[in-house]
Structures are given as structure tokens and as C-alpha cells.
Amino acid sequence: MRGYAGCASNSTTQCHLSGTTPGREAYGARSDFFDRSLNQLGVSALLDQVERYGRGSGGGAVTVALTALGGAVNRVAPLATAFVHRRSQMLAQYTASWPAGRTGAAQLAWLDGVHAAMRRHASGAAYQNYADAGLKGWRTAYYGAAANRLTAAKKRYDPHRLFTFEQAL
């Protein structure tokens, strides 16, 4: 993770100084799960979004990582663990980065655009490890039918909410 954040050769303290560490980037991410393969319309929508960014980005970078699921992942029942996306066939992670100290407006707009373009092809679920502050209905998107069980476990093992953030159970 340090390498990904541009901090491979810096201390933890230095890496926490967003905007002041040379070479450091800021980034945002969104995600979608897909319960079936993308059809030609879905592939075209995704490629169009990547090409659109390339035509007028103004710097920074965007990526789309597609992770194939199925097989052993899907042999486990969806409610057996905190990862409820066991019937999905693919996970898409959309990321955008920009130099620290800049707004990242173009990159964040791209994230919104690619996520919106892919919603009609996606299941509506999202990966909880790619926290998305703009995600509506995040509790269901991340945790599905396991949300209540996971909330109870969180209350039991973290009653004082030491581990918390805006989208914490």
C-alpha cells in the first residue's frame, strides 16, 4: 500500500502528510460487482469512459481493474462470511489519481461518470474495501443481507467504536 500511495521510501509519519510529501498522489476509487459477463453495450460503455478521459484529462491517471470471480470464491455461501458477493462473476474497481495539493476535479468527475455509465450493467453491490464516500445505499451495497449480523458483531467487539469512519457499521 505504501508503494501504491507513493510512499515506498518514506516513513509512516511522512506518508500521513498529504499534500506535502514529494511525489505523493491523491486518489479516489469506486467499484461495481457484476453478476453476469458484460455484453457488448457494457464493454462499449466502459471503453467509452476510458477513451473520454484520455481525450481531455488534464493530467493524473485513471484505471479500471477487472477481477474475475467464480470458482472457489463462489463455492462459499454468501452469508457465511462478511464478503457477501459470492454470486458475482466480476468485480470492477475504478480508480483515479492526481497530484497532491490539486482538487482532482476532472478525475473525480471521471469516477462519477464511469460509475454512472456502468450502473445499468452492474448488480448494485460494491466492494467494502474500496470505500466510496459518494455511494448511496452503501450499507446494502457493501454488506447485503449480512449487514445486521455484522453490525451486531461490531457492537460486541467494538462497543466504543474505536474503529469508525463515515461508512462504518
Protein backbone atom coordinates (compact mmCIF):
# COMPACT_ATOMS: atom_id res chain seq x y z
CA MET A 1 0.00 0.00 0.00
CA ARG A 2 2.84 2.41 0.70
CA GLY A 3 4.16 1.94 -2.83
CA TYR A 4 0.71 2.47 -4.31
CA ALA A 5 0.36 5.72 -2.35
CA GLY A 6 3.78 6.99 -3.46
CA CYS A 7 5.32 6.43 -0.03
CA ALA A 8 7.53 3.37 -0.53
CA SER A 9 10.66 5.19 0.63
CA ASN A 10 9.04 7.42 3.28
CA SER A 11 8.20 6.84 6.93
CA THR A 12 4.62 6.34 8.11
CA THR A 13 4.66 9.85 9.61
CA GLN A 14 5.79 11.37 6.31
CA CYS A 15 3.13 9.46 4.41
CA HIS A 16 0.41 10.97 6.59
CA LEU A 17 1.34 14.45 5.44
CA SER A 18 -0.97 14.64 2.45
CA GLY A 19 0.00 17.39 0.05
CA THR A 20 3.47 17.94 1.48
CA THR A 21 5.31 14.71 0.64
CA PRO A 22 7.15 14.99 -2.70
CA GLY A 23 5.85 12.55 -5.31
CA ARG A 24 2.71 11.77 -3.33
CA GLU A 25 -0.60 11.42 -5.16
CA ALA A 26 -4.19 11.68 -4.07
CA TYR A 27 -6.72 9.24 -5.44
CA GLY A 28 -10.34 8.18 -5.38
CA ALA A 29 -11.99 4.86 -6.12
CA ARG A 30 -15.40 3.38 -6.86
CA SER A 31 -16.44 -0.18 -7.55
CA ASP A 32 -19.14 -2.39 -9.01
CA PHE A 33 -19.90 -6.09 -8.86
CA PHE A 34 -21.36 -7.83 -11.90
CA ASP A 35 -23.49 -10.95 -11.66
CA ARG A 36 -23.01 -11.77 -15.35
CA SER A 37 -20.49 -11.05 -18.07
CA LEU A 38 -20.63 -7.67 -19.72
CA ASN A 39 -22.50 -7.65 -23.01
CA GLN A 40 -21.30 -5.57 -25.96
CA LEU A 41 -23.16 -2.49 -24.68
CA GLY A 42 -21.40 -2.77 -21.31
CA VAL A 43 -17.98 -3.23 -22.89
CA SER A 44 -18.61 -0.24 -25.17
CA ALA A 45 -19.75 1.91 -22.24
CA LEU A 46 -16.62 1.07 -20.26
CA LEU A 47 -14.24 1.67 -23.18
CA ASP A 48 -16.01 4.94 -23.99
CA GLN A 49 -15.41 6.21 -20.45
CA VAL A 50 -11.69 5.34 -20.57
CA GLU A 51 -11.28 6.93 -24.00
CA ARG A 52 -13.23 10.02 -22.93
CA TYR A 53 -10.81 10.63 -20.05
CA GLY A 54 -7.83 10.25 -22.38
CA ARG A 55 -9.16 12.95 -24.72
CA GLY A 56 -9.38 15.70 -22.11
CA SER A 57 -7.94 14.64 -18.79
CA GLY A 58 -5.60 17.49 -17.95
CA GLY A 59 -3.22 15.12 -16.14
CA GLY A 60 -3.47 12.46 -13.50
CA ALA A 61 -4.39 8.91 -14.32
CA VAL A 62 -7.39 6.62 -14.34
CA THR A 63 -7.55 2.83 -14.26
CA VAL A 64 -10.13 0.10 -14.47
CA ALA A 65 -9.22 -3.20 -12.80
CA LEU A 66 -11.47 -6.14 -13.60
CA THR A 67 -11.22 -9.08 -11.21
CA ALA A 68 -12.75 -12.38 -12.31
CA LEU A 69 -14.71 -14.18 -9.62
CA GLY A 70 -16.45 -17.52 -9.58
CA GLY A 71 -14.82 -20.87 -8.86
CA ALA A 72 -13.65 -21.28 -5.27
CA VAL A 73 -14.86 -17.79 -4.29
CA ASN A 74 -18.40 -18.70 -5.24
CA ARG A 75 -18.38 -22.12 -3.53
CA VAL A 76 -18.83 -20.40 -0.16
CA ALA A 77 -22.36 -19.35 0.80
CA PRO A 78 -22.88 -15.57 0.53
CA LEU A 79 -23.79 -15.21 4.23
CA ALA A 80 -21.02 -17.49 5.54
CA THR A 81 -18.54 -14.59 5.81
CA ALA A 82 -18.52 -10.79 5.69
CA PHE A 83 -17.90 -10.99 1.92
CA VAL A 84 -21.45 -11.44 0.61
CA HIS A 85 -20.65 -11.04 -3.09
CA ARG A 86 -20.20 -14.77 -3.69
CA ARG A 87 -22.60 -14.98 -6.63
CA SER A 88 -20.84 -12.26 -8.60
CA GLN A 89 -18.86 -13.08 -11.69
CA MET A 90 -16.66 -9.98 -11.74
CA LEU A 91 -15.55 -7.01 -9.67
CA ALA A 92 -14.62 -3.70 -11.31
CA GLN A 93 -12.51 -1.17 -9.45
CA TYR A 94 -12.34 2.28 -10.99
CA THR A 95 -9.52 4.49 -9.68
CA ALA A 96 -8.32 7.98 -10.49
CA SER A 97 -5.25 9.78 -9.21
CA TRP A 98 -3.97 13.34 -9.30
CA PRO A 99 -1.05 15.27 -7.82
CA ALA A 100 -1.42 16.08 -4.12
CA GLY A 101 -2.48 19.64 -3.47
CA ARG A 102 -4.75 19.76 -6.53
CA THR A 103 -8.51 19.34 -6.47
CA GLY A 104 -8.73 16.29 -8.69
CA ALA A 105 -11.98 17.68 -10.12
CA ALA A 106 -11.50 16.10 -13.57
CA GLN A 107 -10.56 12.76 -12.07
CA LEU A 108 -13.45 12.72 -9.61
CA ALA A 109 -15.82 13.68 -12.41
CA TRP A 110 -14.48 10.72 -14.41
CA LEU A 111 -15.13 8.40 -11.46
CA ASP A 112 -18.70 9.63 -11.24
CA GLY A 113 -19.13 9.25 -14.99
CA VAL A 114 -17.74 5.72 -15.30
CA HIS A 115 -19.70 4.57 -12.24
CA ALA A 116 -22.93 6.04 -13.63
CA ALA A 117 -22.30 4.56 -17.08
CA MET A 118 -21.78 1.07 -15.65
CA ARG A 119 -24.65 1.01 -13.12
CA ARG A 120 -27.18 -0.43 -15.56
CA HIS A 121 -24.83 -3.35 -16.22
CA ALA A 122 -23.81 -3.91 -12.58
CA SER A 123 -25.60 -5.65 -9.70
CA GLY A 124 -25.75 -2.59 -7.41
CA ALA A 125 -23.24 -4.11 -4.98
CA ALA A 126 -19.87 -2.53 -4.17
CA TYR A 127 -16.68 -3.74 -2.51
CA GLN A 128 -16.35 -2.53 1.08
CA ASN A 129 -12.55 -2.39 0.86
CA TYR A 130 -12.87 0.36 -1.75
CA ALA A 131 -14.59 2.93 0.45
CA ASP A 132 -16.69 5.25 -1.68
CA ALA A 133 -17.87 8.36 0.16
CA GLY A 134 -20.36 9.15 -2.60
CA LEU A 135 -22.01 5.73 -2.67
CA LYS A 136 -25.73 5.88 -1.98
CA GLY A 137 -27.10 2.90 -0.04
CA TRP A 138 -23.58 1.84 0.95
CA ARG A 139 -24.76 -0.42 3.80
CA THR A 140 -26.66 -2.70 1.39
CA ALA A 141 -24.15 -2.30 -1.44
CA TYR A 142 -21.22 -3.36 0.78
CA TYR A 143 -22.77 -5.86 3.17
CA GLY A 144 -26.09 -7.00 1.65
CA ALA A 145 -28.13 -9.34 3.82
CA ALA A 146 -25.20 -9.72 6.25
CA ALA A 147 -25.37 -6.06 7.41
CA ASN A 148 -27.42 -6.69 10.57
CA ARG A 149 -25.28 -9.67 11.64
CA LEU A 150 -22.08 -7.73 11.03
CA THR A 151 -23.44 -4.69 12.91
CA ALA A 152 -24.17 -6.91 15.92
CA ALA A 153 -20.65 -8.35 15.78
CA LYS A 154 -19.18 -4.84 15.53
CA LYS A 155 -21.15 -3.72 18.60
CA ARG A 156 -20.00 -6.76 20.53
CA TYR A 157 -16.28 -6.49 19.71
CA ASP A 158 -16.00 -2.70 19.35
CA PRO A 159 -18.62 -1.26 21.74
CA HIS A 160 -16.80 2.08 21.99
CA ARG A 161 -16.41 2.41 18.20
CA LEU A 162 -12.64 2.65 18.19
CA PHE A 163 -12.73 1.53 14.55
CA THR A 164 -15.04 4.02 12.93
CA PHE A 165 -15.40 6.21 9.87
CA GLU A 166 -18.32 7.66 7.91
CA GLN A 167 -19.38 4.28 6.49
CA ALA A 168 -18.56 2.06 9.47
CA LEU A 169 -21.21 -0.35 10.67
